[in-house]
Amino acid sequence: MDKNKKDYLVFPDDTFAPIVSEKVKEYAALGYSPERISTLLGFSKKFEAIFLLRIRTPGDSLYVDYHQAATLAQVEVDRKLKDLAKEGDLDAIKADAERTQERLEYELRHKYFGI
């Protein structure tokens, strides 16, 4: 095994160590893609494939961790923008309106087209 690879984060039965879950949450909150997270974690090709499969499989713990963290990060951004908008920050008002519109468009695309 290559000494630079972090396969010690993966158990023999193809499950990932709890530290992986924490890193997934951290990186998802920053808006990183699953591929970028895999690169940052430094998995070998075998474990990268397993990781990417799991993080894209609805119901898997890595999938849930990734999507919950990403969603909570977006909620925090929205909350901060709303607070700034209440204080009269014009840039925050504009950004909040744009994010609201984007979210509405996303929800409609997802509802009617599944994308």
PDB file of N, CA and C in Angstrom:
ATOM      1  N   MET A   1       0.848  -1.184   0.000  1.00  0.00           N
ATOM      2  CA  MET A   1       0.000   0.000   0.000  1.00  0.00           C
ATOM      3  C   MET A   1       0.884   1.235   0.000  1.00  0.00           C
ATOM      4  N   ASP A   2       0.531   2.187  -0.798  1.00  0.00           N
ATOM      5  CA  ASP A   2       1.235   3.463  -0.887  1.00  0.00           C
ATOM      6  C   ASP A   2       1.116   4.190   0.449  1.00  0.00           C
ATOM      7  N   LYS A   3       2.236   4.624   0.995  1.00  0.00           N
ATOM      8  CA  LYS A   3       2.246   5.290   2.301  1.00  0.00           C
ATOM      9  C   LYS A   3       1.472   6.604   2.286  1.00  0.00           C
ATOM     10  N   ASN A   4       1.320   7.234   1.110  1.00  0.00           N
ATOM     11  CA  ASN A   4       0.621   8.512   1.016  1.00  0.00           C
ATOM     12  C   ASN A   4      -0.894   8.356   1.005  1.00  0.00           C
ATOM     13  N   LYS A   5      -1.381   7.160   0.754  1.00  0.00           N
ATOM     14  CA  LYS A   5      -2.817   6.930   0.700  1.00  0.00           C
ATOM     15  C   LYS A   5      -3.363   6.778   2.110  1.00  0.00           C
ATOM     16  N   LYS A   6      -4.599   7.180   2.296  1.00  0.00           N
ATOM     17  CA  LYS A   6      -5.201   7.148   3.623  1.00  0.00           C
ATOM     18  C   LYS A   6      -6.227   6.023   3.727  1.00  0.00           C
ATOM     19  N   ASP A   7      -5.847   4.851   3.285  1.00  0.00           N
ATOM     20  CA  ASP A   7      -6.766   3.722   3.323  1.00  0.00           C
ATOM     21  C   ASP A   7      -7.005   3.230   4.744  1.00  0.00           C
ATOM     22  N   TYR A   8      -6.250   3.752   5.717  1.00  0.00           N
ATOM     23  CA  TYR A   8      -6.503   3.394   7.102  1.00  0.00           C
ATOM     24  C   TYR A   8      -7.860   3.940   7.552  1.00  0.00           C
ATOM     25  N   LEU A   9      -8.446   4.849   6.765  1.00  0.00           N
ATOM     26  CA  LEU A   9      -9.764   5.377   7.073  1.00  0.00           C
ATOM     27  C   LEU A   9     -10.866   4.414   6.647  1.00  0.00           C
ATOM     28  N   VAL A  10     -10.477   3.319   6.027  1.00  0.00           N
ATOM     29  CA  VAL A  10     -11.443   2.349   5.514  1.00  0.00           C
ATOM     30  C   VAL A  10     -11.217   1.025   6.229  1.00  0.00           C
ATOM     31  N   PHE A  11     -12.287   0.442   6.736  1.00  0.00           N
ATOM     32  CA  PHE A  11     -12.193  -0.850   7.400  1.00  0.00           C
ATOM     33  C   PHE A  11     -12.228  -1.970   6.366  1.00  0.00           C
ATOM     34  N   PRO A  12     -11.736  -3.150   6.716  1.00  0.00           N
ATOM     35  CA  PRO A  12     -11.683  -4.258   5.750  1.00  0.00           C
ATOM     36  C   PRO A  12     -13.030  -4.632   5.136  1.00  0.00           C
ATOM     37  N   ASP A  13     -14.139  -4.420   5.838  1.00  0.00           N
ATOM     38  CA  ASP A  13     -15.441  -4.801   5.284  1.00  0.00           C
ATOM     39  C   ASP A  13     -16.042  -3.686   4.426  1.00  0.00           C
ATOM     40  N   ASP A  14     -15.207  -2.784   3.947  1.00  0.00           N
ATOM     41  CA  ASP A  14     -15.594  -1.698   3.046  1.00  0.00           C
ATOM     42  C   ASP A  14     -16.454  -0.630   3.721  1.00  0.00           C
ATOM     43  N   THR A  15     -16.431  -0.575   5.033  1.00  0.00           N
ATOM     44  CA  THR A  15     -17.083   0.525   5.724  1.00  0.00           C
ATOM     45  C   THR A  15     -16.019   1.559   6.073  1.00  0.00           C
ATOM     46  N   PHE A  16     -16.450   2.773   6.257  1.00  0.00           N
ATOM     47  CA  PHE A  16     -15.508   3.842   6.502  1.00  0.00           C
ATOM     48  C   PHE A  16     -15.455   4.191   7.985  1.00  0.00           C
ATOM     49  N   ALA A  17     -14.300   4.621   8.435  1.00  0.00           N
ATOM     50  CA  ALA A  17     -14.118   5.016   9.822  1.00  0.00           C
ATOM     51  C   ALA A  17     -14.984   6.231  10.136  1.00  0.00           C
ATOM     52  N   PRO A  18     -15.368   6.398  11.402  1.00  0.00           N
ATOM     53  CA  PRO A  18     -16.196   7.551  11.781  1.00  0.00           C
ATOM     54  C   PRO A  18     -15.586   8.899  11.395  1.00  0.00           C
ATOM     55  N   ILE A  19     -14.276   8.977  11.317  1.00  0.00           N
ATOM     56  CA  ILE A  19     -13.633  10.239  10.943  1.00  0.00           C
ATOM     57  C   ILE A  19     -14.027  10.650   9.527  1.00  0.00           C
ATOM     58  N   VAL A  20     -14.308   9.669   8.667  1.00  0.00           N
ATOM     59  CA  VAL A  20     -14.725   9.972   7.303  1.00  0.00           C
ATOM     60  C   VAL A  20     -16.053  10.711   7.323  1.00  0.00           C
ATOM     61  N   SER A  21     -16.969  10.253   8.167  1.00  0.00           N
ATOM     62  CA  SER A  21     -18.270  10.901   8.286  1.00  0.00           C
ATOM     63  C   SER A  21     -18.107  12.359   8.706  1.00  0.00           C
ATOM     64  N   GLU A  22     -17.251  12.619   9.654  1.00  0.00           N
ATOM     65  CA  GLU A  22     -17.021  13.995  10.120  1.00  0.00           C
ATOM     66  C   GLU A  22     -16.409  14.854   9.023  1.00  0.00           C
ATOM     67  N   LYS A  23     -15.474  14.287   8.270  1.00  0.00           N
ATOM     68  CA  LYS A  23     -14.843  15.034   7.174  1.00  0.00           C
ATOM     69  C   LYS A  23     -15.851  15.297   6.053  1.00  0.00           C
ATOM     70  N   VAL A  24     -16.706  14.318   5.779  1.00  0.00           N
ATOM     71  CA  VAL A  24     -17.745  14.500   4.760  1.00  0.00           C
ATOM     72  C   VAL A  24     -18.635  15.670   5.149  1.00  0.00           C
ATOM     73  N   LYS A  25     -19.047  15.717   6.400  1.00  0.00           N
ATOM     74  CA  LYS A  25     -19.895  16.812   6.880  1.00  0.00           C
ATOM     75  C   LYS A  25     -19.180  18.156   6.755  1.00  0.00           C
ATOM     76  N   GLU A  26     -17.932  18.173   7.153  1.00  0.00           N
ATOM     77  CA  GLU A  26     -17.146  19.418   7.094  1.00  0.00           C
ATOM     78  C   GLU A  26     -17.007  19.923   5.660  1.00  0.00           C
ATOM     79  N   TYR A  27     -16.628  19.040   4.756  1.00  0.00           N
ATOM     80  CA  TYR A  27     -16.405  19.438   3.369  1.00  0.00           C
ATOM     81  C   TYR A  27     -17.710  19.735   2.635  1.00  0.00           C
ATOM     82  N   ALA A  28     -18.767  19.003   2.952  1.00  0.00           N
ATOM     83  CA  ALA A  28     -20.070  19.268   2.330  1.00  0.00           C
ATOM     84  C   ALA A  28     -20.569  20.648   2.723  1.00  0.00           C
ATOM     85  N   ALA A  29     -20.349  21.025   3.971  1.00  0.00           N
ATOM     86  CA  ALA A  29     -20.759  22.347   4.442  1.00  0.00           C
ATOM     87  C   ALA A  29     -20.020  23.455   3.696  1.00  0.00           C
ATOM     88  N   LEU A  30     -18.837  23.142   3.208  1.00  0.00           N
ATOM     89  CA  LEU A  30     -18.065  24.108   2.424  1.00  0.00           C
ATOM     90  C   LEU A  30     -18.458  24.104   0.948  1.00  0.00           C
ATOM     91  N   GLY A  31     -19.340  23.173   0.581  1.00  0.00           N
ATOM     92  CA  GLY A  31     -19.830  23.127  -0.794  1.00  0.00           C
ATOM     93  C   GLY A  31     -19.002  22.262  -1.731  1.00  0.00           C
ATOM     94  N   TYR A  32     -18.163  21.404  -1.196  1.00  0.00           N
ATOM     95  CA  TYR A  32     -17.322  20.559  -2.031  1.00  0.00           C
ATOM     96  C   TYR A  32     -18.111  19.400  -2.620  1.00  0.00           C
ATOM     97  N   SER A  33     -17.764  19.000  -3.827  1.00  0.00           N
ATOM     98  CA  SER A  33     -18.410  17.868  -4.492  1.00  0.00           C
ATOM     99  C   SER A  33     -17.891  16.562  -3.885  1.00  0.00           C
ATOM    100  N   PRO A  34     -18.643  15.466  -4.067  1.00  0.00           N
ATOM    101  CA  PRO A  34     -18.159  14.168  -3.582  1.00  0.00           C
ATOM    102  C   PRO A  34     -16.781  13.802  -4.151  1.00  0.00           C
ATOM    103  N   GLU A  35     -16.546  14.134  -5.418  1.00  0.00           N
ATOM    104  CA  GLU A  35     -15.253  13.824  -6.030  1.00  0.00           C
ATOM    105  C   GLU A  35     -14.120  14.585  -5.338  1.00  0.00           C
ATOM    106  N   ARG A  36     -14.373  15.838  -5.051  1.00  0.00           N
ATOM    107  CA  ARG A  36     -13.342  16.645  -4.386  1.00  0.00           C
ATOM    108  C   ARG A  36     -13.100  16.135  -2.965  1.00  0.00           C
ATOM    109  N   ILE A  37     -14.159  15.740  -2.280  1.00  0.00           N
ATOM    110  CA  ILE A  37     -14.003  15.195  -0.934  1.00  0.00           C
ATOM    111  C   ILE A  37     -13.153  13.933  -0.981  1.00  0.00           C
ATOM    112  N   SER A  38     -13.423  13.067  -1.957  1.00  0.00           N
ATOM    113  CA  SER A  38     -12.654  11.838  -2.104  1.00  0.00           C
ATOM    114  C   SER A  38     -11.174  12.145  -2.328  1.00  0.00           C
ATOM    115  N   THR A  39     -10.913  13.140  -3.155  1.00  0.00           N
ATOM    116  CA  THR A  39      -9.530  13.535  -3.414  1.00  0.00           C
ATOM    117  C   THR A  39      -8.873  14.061  -2.141  1.00  0.00           C
ATOM    118  N   LEU A  40      -9.597  14.888  -1.405  1.00  0.00           N
ATOM    119  CA  LEU A  40      -9.055  15.448  -0.165  1.00  0.00           C
ATOM    120  C   LEU A  40      -8.774  14.363   0.873  1.00  0.00           C
ATOM    121  N   LEU A  41      -9.603  13.325   0.886  1.00  0.00           N
ATOM    122  CA  LEU A  41      -9.389  12.234   1.823  1.00  0.00           C
ATOM    123  C   LEU A  41      -8.274  11.294   1.375  1.00  0.00           C
ATOM    124  N   GLY A  42      -7.891  11.365   0.103  1.00  0.00           N
ATOM    125  CA  GLY A  42      -6.739  10.625  -0.402  1.00  0.00           C
ATOM    126  C   GLY A  42      -6.918   9.124  -0.510  1.00  0.00           C
ATOM    127  N   PHE A  43      -8.114   8.671  -0.845  1.00  0.00           N
ATOM    128  CA  PHE A  43      -8.338   7.240  -0.983  1.00  0.00           C
ATOM    129  C   PHE A  43      -7.652   6.681  -2.227  1.00  0.00           C
ATOM    130  N   SER A  44      -7.319   5.378  -2.156  1.00  0.00           N
ATOM    131  CA  SER A  44      -6.833   4.681  -3.343  1.00  0.00           C
ATOM    132  C   SER A  44      -8.018   4.526  -4.292  1.00  0.00           C
ATOM    133  N   LYS A  45      -7.762   4.121  -5.522  1.00  0.00           N
ATOM    134  CA  LYS A  45      -8.826   4.000  -6.528  1.00  0.00           C
ATOM    135  C   LYS A  45      -9.952   3.071  -6.059  1.00  0.00           C
ATOM    136  N   LYS A  46      -9.597   1.953  -5.443  1.00  0.00           N
ATOM    137  CA  LYS A  46     -10.603   0.989  -4.987  1.00  0.00           C
ATOM    138  C   LYS A  46     -11.549   1.642  -3.983  1.00  0.00           C
ATOM    139  N   PHE A  47     -10.991   2.285  -2.973  1.00  0.00           N
ATOM    140  CA  PHE A  47     -11.827   2.860  -1.936  1.00  0.00           C
ATOM    141  C   PHE A  47     -12.492   4.159  -2.384  1.00  0.00           C
ATOM    142  N   GLU A  48     -11.898   4.818  -3.354  1.00  0.00           N
ATOM    143  CA  GLU A  48     -12.548   5.994  -3.932  1.00  0.00           C
ATOM    144  C   GLU A  48     -13.848   5.571  -4.625  1.00  0.00           C
ATOM    145  N   ALA A  49     -13.805   4.468  -5.350  1.00  0.00           N
ATOM    146  CA  ALA A  49     -14.996   3.969  -6.037  1.00  0.00           C
ATOM    147  C   ALA A  49     -16.085   3.594  -5.033  1.00  0.00           C
ATOM    148  N   ILE A  50     -15.700   2.931  -3.953  1.00  0.00           N
ATOM    149  CA  ILE A  50     -16.667   2.555  -2.921  1.00  0.00           C
ATOM    150  C   ILE A  50     -17.249   3.804  -2.270  1.00  0.00           C
ATOM    151  N   PHE A  51     -16.380   4.752  -1.948  1.00  0.00           N
ATOM    152  CA  PHE A  51     -16.813   5.998  -1.318  1.00  0.00           C
ATOM    153  C   PHE A  51     -17.807   6.740  -2.204  1.00  0.00           C
ATOM    154  N   LEU A  52     -17.467   6.908  -3.474  1.00  0.00           N
ATOM    155  CA  LEU A  52     -18.344   7.649  -4.393  1.00  0.00           C
ATOM    156  C   LEU A  52     -19.675   6.926  -4.600  1.00  0.00           C
ATOM    157  N   LEU A  53     -19.648   5.613  -4.634  1.00  0.00           N
ATOM    158  CA  LEU A  53     -20.896   4.858  -4.759  1.00  0.00           C
ATOM    159  C   LEU A  53     -21.780   5.086  -3.533  1.00  0.00           C
ATOM    160  N   ARG A  54     -21.179   5.011  -2.364  1.00  0.00           N
ATOM    161  CA  ARG A  54     -21.961   5.175  -1.132  1.00  0.00           C
ATOM    162  C   ARG A  54     -22.485   6.590  -0.978  1.00  0.00           C
ATOM    163  N   ILE A  55     -21.679   7.587  -1.288  1.00  0.00           N
ATOM    164  CA  ILE A  55     -22.106   8.969  -1.077  1.00  0.00           C
ATOM    165  C   ILE A  55     -23.191   9.378  -2.069  1.00  0.00           C
ATOM    166  N   ARG A  56     -23.356   8.600  -3.138  1.00  0.00           N
ATOM    167  CA  ARG A  56     -24.398   8.873  -4.142  1.00  0.00           C
ATOM    168  C   ARG A  56     -25.611   7.958  -4.003  1.00  0.00           C
ATOM    169  N   THR A  57     -25.608   7.074  -3.014  1.00  0.00           N
ATOM    170  CA  THR A  57     -26.697   6.124  -2.837  1.00  0.00           C
ATOM    171  C   THR A  57     -27.657   6.628  -1.763  1.00  0.00           C
ATOM    172  N   PRO A  58     -28.880   7.016  -2.183  1.00  0.00           N
ATOM    173  CA  PRO A  58     -29.857   7.498  -1.189  1.00  0.00           C
ATOM    174  C   PRO A  58     -30.062   6.476  -0.072  1.00  0.00           C
ATOM    175  N   GLY A  59     -30.050   6.980   1.151  1.00  0.00           N
ATOM    176  CA  GLY A  59     -30.238   6.119   2.310  1.00  0.00           C
ATOM    177  C   GLY A  59     -28.948   5.690   2.973  1.00  0.00           C
ATOM    178  N   ASP A  60     -27.841   5.704   2.231  1.00  0.00           N
ATOM    179  CA  ASP A  60     -26.554   5.355   2.828  1.00  0.00           C
ATOM    180  C   ASP A  60     -26.156   6.439   3.828  1.00  0.00           C
ATOM    181  N   SER A  61     -25.457   6.063   4.866  1.00  0.00           N
ATOM    182  CA  SER A  61     -25.090   7.030   5.903  1.00  0.00           C
ATOM    183  C   SER A  61     -24.219   8.166   5.355  1.00  0.00           C
ATOM    184  N   LEU A  62     -23.326   7.873   4.411  1.00  0.00           N
ATOM    185  CA  LEU A  62     -22.500   8.933   3.829  1.00  0.00           C
ATOM    186  C   LEU A  62     -23.346   9.890   2.992  1.00  0.00           C
ATOM    187  N   TYR A  63     -24.322   9.359   2.270  1.00  0.00           N
ATOM    188  CA  TYR A  63     -25.241  10.182   1.481  1.00  0.00           C
ATOM    189  C   TYR A  63     -26.013  11.124   2.412  1.00  0.00           C
ATOM    190  N   VAL A  64     -26.540  10.571   3.482  1.00  0.00           N
ATOM    191  CA  VAL A  64     -27.317  11.365   4.440  1.00  0.00           C
ATOM    192  C   VAL A  64     -26.432  12.439   5.065  1.00  0.00           C
ATOM    193  N   ASP A  65     -25.237  12.064   5.505  1.00  0.00           N
ATOM    194  CA  ASP A  65     -24.317  13.037   6.112  1.00  0.00           C
ATOM    195  C   ASP A  65     -24.000  14.171   5.142  1.00  0.00           C
ATOM    196  N   TYR A  66     -23.708  13.811   3.894  1.00  0.00           N
ATOM    197  CA  TYR A  66     -23.339  14.803   2.883  1.00  0.00           C
ATOM    198  C   TYR A  66     -24.477  15.793   2.637  1.00  0.00           C
ATOM    199  N   HIS A  67     -25.662  15.273   2.404  1.00  0.00           N
ATOM    200  CA  HIS A  67     -26.792  16.143   2.058  1.00  0.00           C
ATOM    201  C   HIS A  67     -27.300  16.951   3.250  1.00  0.00           C
ATOM    202  N   GLN A  68     -27.279  16.375   4.436  1.00  0.00           N
ATOM    203  CA  GLN A  68     -27.689  17.128   5.621  1.00  0.00           C
ATOM    204  C   GLN A  68     -26.736  18.284   5.885  1.00  0.00           C
ATOM    205  N   ALA A  69     -25.447  18.033   5.813  1.00  0.00           N
ATOM    206  CA  ALA A  69     -24.457  19.089   6.070  1.00  0.00           C
ATOM    207  C   ALA A  69     -24.547  20.194   5.027  1.00  0.00           C
ATOM    208  N   ALA A  70     -24.709  19.816   3.759  1.00  0.00           N
ATOM    209  CA  ALA A  70     -24.818  20.819   2.699  1.00  0.00           C
ATOM    210  C   ALA A  70     -26.066  21.674   2.894  1.00  0.00           C
ATOM    211  N   THR A  71     -27.169  21.034   3.254  1.00  0.00           N
ATOM    212  CA  THR A  71     -28.421  21.753   3.467  1.00  0.00           C
ATOM    213  C   THR A  71     -28.331  22.678   4.673  1.00  0.00           C
ATOM    214  N   LEU A  72     -27.768  22.187   5.769  1.00  0.00           N
ATOM    215  CA  LEU A  72     -27.626  23.020   6.960  1.00  0.00           C
ATOM    216  C   LEU A  72     -26.722  24.225   6.708  1.00  0.00           C
ATOM    217  N   ALA A  73     -25.702  24.043   5.899  1.00  0.00           N
ATOM    218  CA  ALA A  73     -24.828  25.173   5.551  1.00  0.00           C
ATOM    219  C   ALA A  73     -25.604  26.225   4.774  1.00  0.00           C
ATOM    220  N   GLN A  74     -26.469  25.780   3.869  1.00  0.00           N
ATOM    221  CA  GLN A  74     -27.285  26.724   3.102  1.00  0.00           C
ATOM    222  C   GLN A  74     -28.268  27.461   4.004  1.00  0.00           C
ATOM    223  N   VAL A  75     -28.820  26.767   4.980  1.00  0.00           N
ATOM    224  CA  VAL A  75     -29.727  27.398   5.935  1.00  0.00           C
ATOM    225  C   VAL A  75     -28.991  28.484   6.716  1.00  0.00           C
ATOM    226  N   GLU A  76     -27.769  28.201   7.111  1.00  0.00           N
ATOM    227  CA  GLU A  76     -26.980  29.199   7.853  1.00  0.00           C
ATOM    228  C   GLU A  76     -26.713  30.434   6.991  1.00  0.00           C
ATOM    229  N   VAL A  77     -26.401  30.232   5.723  1.00  0.00           N
ATOM    230  CA  VAL A  77     -26.178  31.364   4.815  1.00  0.00           C
ATOM    231  C   VAL A  77     -27.457  32.187   4.694  1.00  0.00           C
ATOM    232  N   ASP A  78     -28.573  31.500   4.498  1.00  0.00           N
ATOM    233  CA  ASP A  78     -29.859  32.205   4.386  1.00  0.00           C
ATOM    234  C   ASP A  78     -30.175  32.986   5.664  1.00  0.00           C
ATOM    235  N   ARG A  79     -29.935  32.370   6.802  1.00  0.00           N
ATOM    236  CA  ARG A  79     -30.202  33.023   8.083  1.00  0.00           C
ATOM    237  C   ARG A  79     -29.346  34.290   8.235  1.00  0.00           C
ATOM    238  N   LYS A  80     -28.084  34.183   7.884  1.00  0.00           N
ATOM    239  CA  LYS A  80     -27.183  35.338   7.995  1.00  0.00           C
ATOM    240  C   LYS A  80     -27.603  36.439   7.030  1.00  0.00           C
ATOM    241  N   LEU A  81     -27.968  36.081   5.812  1.00  0.00           N
ATOM    242  CA  LEU A  81     -28.416  37.083   4.846  1.00  0.00           C
ATOM    243  C   LEU A  81     -29.686  37.788   5.321  1.00  0.00           C
ATOM    244  N   LYS A  82     -30.593  37.028   5.885  1.00  0.00           N
ATOM    245  CA  LYS A  82     -31.834  37.634   6.388  1.00  0.00           C
ATOM    246  C   LYS A  82     -31.551  38.595   7.541  1.00  0.00           C
ATOM    247  N   ASP A  83     -30.621  38.220   8.419  1.00  0.00           N
ATOM    248  CA  ASP A  83     -30.243  39.116   9.520  1.00  0.00           C
ATOM    249  C   ASP A  83     -29.638  40.411   8.985  1.00  0.00           C
ATOM    250  N   LEU A  84     -28.742  40.279   8.010  1.00  0.00           N
ATOM    251  CA  LEU A  84     -28.124  41.473   7.425  1.00  0.00           C
ATOM    252  C   LEU A  84     -29.151  42.315   6.676  1.00  0.00           C
ATOM    253  N   ALA A  85     -30.082  41.641   5.996  1.00  0.00           N
ATOM    254  CA  ALA A  85     -31.127  42.359   5.254  1.00  0.00           C
ATOM    255  C   ALA A  85     -32.001  43.157   6.215  1.00  0.00           C
ATOM    256  N   LYS A  86     -32.311  42.587   7.369  1.00  0.00           N
ATOM    257  CA  LYS A  86     -33.119  43.297   8.372  1.00  0.00           C
ATOM    258  C   LYS A  86     -32.420  44.569   8.860  1.00  0.00           C
ATOM    259  N   GLU A  87     -31.090  44.519   8.842  1.00  0.00           N
ATOM    260  CA  GLU A  87     -30.309  45.682   9.267  1.00  0.00           C
ATOM    261  C   GLU A  87     -30.185  46.722   8.152  1.00  0.00           C
ATOM    262  N   GLY A  88     -30.703  46.395   6.966  1.00  0.00           N
ATOM    263  CA  GLY A  88     -30.698  47.339   5.863  1.00  0.00           C
ATOM    264  C   GLY A  88     -29.550  47.193   4.881  1.00  0.00           C
ATOM    265  N   ASP A  89     -28.796  46.108   4.972  1.00  0.00           N
ATOM    266  CA  ASP A  89     -27.678  45.878   4.053  1.00  0.00           C
ATOM    267  C   ASP A  89     -28.253  45.579   2.663  1.00  0.00           C
ATOM    268  N   LEU A  90     -28.022  46.490   1.705  1.00  0.00           N
ATOM    269  CA  LEU A  90     -28.607  46.350   0.367  1.00  0.00           C
ATOM    270  C   LEU A  90     -28.068  45.133  -0.383  1.00  0.00           C
ATOM    271  N   ASP A  91     -26.781  44.842  -0.224  1.00  0.00           N
ATOM    272  CA  ASP A  91     -26.209  43.665  -0.882  1.00  0.00           C
ATOM    273  C   ASP A  91     -26.844  42.379  -0.340  1.00  0.00           C
ATOM    274  N   ALA A  92     -27.089  42.353   0.963  1.00  0.00           N
ATOM    275  CA  ALA A  92     -27.719  41.181   1.577  1.00  0.00           C
ATOM    276  C   ALA A  92     -29.153  41.025   1.096  1.00  0.00           C
ATOM    277  N   ILE A  93     -29.869  42.130   0.943  1.00  0.00           N
ATOM    278  CA  ILE A  93     -31.248  42.084   0.448  1.00  0.00           C
ATOM    279  C   ILE A  93     -31.262  41.502  -0.964  1.00  0.00           C
ATOM    280  N   LYS A  94     -30.339  41.970  -1.798  1.00  0.00           N
ATOM    281  CA  LYS A  94     -30.261  41.483  -3.181  1.00  0.00           C
ATOM    282  C   LYS A  94     -29.879  39.994  -3.213  1.00  0.00           C
ATOM    283  N   ALA A  95     -28.860  39.624  -2.430  1.00  0.00           N
ATOM    284  CA  ALA A  95     -28.413  38.227  -2.406  1.00  0.00           C
ATOM    285  C   ALA A  95     -29.505  37.312  -1.879  1.00  0.00           C
ATOM    286  N   ASP A  96     -30.230  37.767  -0.862  1.00  0.00           N
ATOM    287  CA  ASP A  96     -31.325  36.970  -0.295  1.00  0.00           C
ATOM    288  C   ASP A  96     -32.418  36.747  -1.342  1.00  0.00           C
ATOM    289  N   ALA A  97     -32.768  37.786  -2.063  1.00  0.00           N
ATOM    290  CA  ALA A  97     -33.799  37.663  -3.102  1.00  0.00           C
ATOM    291  C   ALA A  97     -33.345  36.700  -4.209  1.00  0.00           C
ATOM    292  N   GLU A  98     -32.078  36.786  -4.608  1.00  0.00           N
ATOM    293  CA  GLU A  98     -31.552  35.899  -5.648  1.00  0.00           C
ATOM    294  C   GLU A  98     -31.557  34.441  -5.182  1.00  0.00           C
ATOM    295  N   ARG A  99     -31.130  34.209  -3.942  1.00  0.00           N
ATOM    296  CA  ARG A  99     -31.108  32.841  -3.403  1.00  0.00           C
ATOM    297  C   ARG A  99     -32.520  32.273  -3.292  1.00  0.00           C
ATOM    298  N   THR A 100     -33.468  33.113  -2.891  1.00  0.00           N
ATOM    299  CA  THR A 100     -34.856  32.673  -2.793  1.00  0.00           C
ATOM    300  C   THR A 100     -35.375  32.268  -4.163  1.00  0.00           C
ATOM    301  N   GLN A 101     -35.075  33.065  -5.183  1.00  0.00           N
ATOM    302  CA  GLN A 101     -35.499  32.756  -6.550  1.00  0.00           C
ATOM    303  C   GLN A 101     -34.837  31.463  -7.053  1.00  0.00           C
ATOM    304  N   GLU A 102     -33.549  31.317  -6.809  1.00  0.00           N
ATOM    305  CA  GLU A 102     -32.838  30.113  -7.236  1.00  0.00           C
ATOM    306  C   GLU A 102     -33.410  28.871  -6.559  1.00  0.00           C
ATOM    307  N   ARG A 103     -33.707  28.972  -5.273  1.00  0.00           N
ATOM    308  CA  ARG A 103     -34.270  27.847  -4.534  1.00  0.00           C
ATOM    309  C   ARG A 103     -35.640  27.466  -5.098  1.00  0.00           C
ATOM    310  N   LEU A 104     -36.457  28.462  -5.412  1.00  0.00           N
ATOM    311  CA  LEU A 104     -37.768  28.208  -5.995  1.00  0.00           C
ATOM    312  C   LEU A 104     -37.636  27.507  -7.345  1.00  0.00           C
ATOM    313  N   GLU A 105     -36.727  27.986  -8.185  1.00  0.00           N
ATOM    314  CA  GLU A 105     -36.497  27.360  -9.488  1.00  0.00           C
ATOM    315  C   GLU A 105     -36.030  25.917  -9.328  1.00  0.00           C
ATOM    316  N   TYR A 106     -35.112  25.696  -8.386  1.00  0.00           N
ATOM    317  CA  TYR A 106     -34.605  24.343  -8.141  1.00  0.00           C
ATOM    318  C   TYR A 106     -35.743  23.421  -7.712  1.00  0.00           C
ATOM    319  N   GLU A 107     -36.563  23.889  -6.772  1.00  0.00           N
ATOM    320  CA  GLU A 107     -37.665  23.067  -6.277  1.00  0.00           C
ATOM    321  C   GLU A 107     -38.667  22.746  -7.376  1.00  0.00           C
ATOM    322  N   LEU A 108     -38.947  23.691  -8.243  1.00  0.00           N
ATOM    323  CA  LEU A 108     -39.869  23.430  -9.357  1.00  0.00           C
ATOM    324  C   LEU A 108     -39.273  22.460 -10.366  1.00  0.00           C
ATOM    325  N   ARG A 109     -37.985  22.625 -10.694  1.00  0.00           N
ATOM    326  CA  ARG A 109     -37.329  21.676 -11.600  1.00  0.00           C
ATOM    327  C   ARG A 109     -37.359  20.275 -11.019  1.00  0.00           C
ATOM    328  N   HIS A 110     -37.084  20.188  -9.725  1.00  0.00           N
ATOM    329  CA  HIS A 110     -37.074  18.886  -9.065  1.00  0.00           C
ATOM    330  C   HIS A 110     -38.479  18.278  -9.031  1.00  0.00           C
ATOM    331  N   LYS A 111     -39.478  19.087  -8.732  1.00  0.00           N
ATOM    332  CA  LYS A 111     -40.852  18.593  -8.642  1.00  0.00           C
ATOM    333  C   LYS A 111     -41.388  18.122  -9.995  1.00  0.00           C
ATOM    334  N   TYR A 112     -41.169  18.912 -11.045  1.00  0.00           N
ATOM    335  CA  TYR A 112     -41.761  18.589 -12.329  1.00  0.00           C
ATOM    336  C   TYR A 112     -40.889  17.774 -13.264  1.00  0.00           C
ATOM    337  N   PHE A 113     -39.564  17.844 -13.104  1.00  0.00           N
ATOM    338  CA  PHE A 113     -38.678  17.135 -14.023  1.00  0.00           C
ATOM    339  C   PHE A 113     -37.743  16.165 -13.338  1.00  0.00           C
ATOM    340  N   GLY A 114     -37.723  16.173 -12.010  1.00  0.00           N
ATOM    341  CA  GLY A 114     -36.872  15.239 -11.285  1.00  0.00           C
ATOM    342  C   GLY A 114     -35.389  15.530 -11.369  1.00  0.00           C
ATOM    343  N   ILE A 115     -35.049  16.769 -11.709  1.00  0.00           N
ATOM    344  CA  ILE A 115     -33.629  17.125 -11.805  1.00  0.00           C
ATOM    345  C   ILE A 115     -33.262  18.205 -10.807  1.00  0.00           C
TER     346      ILE A 115
END
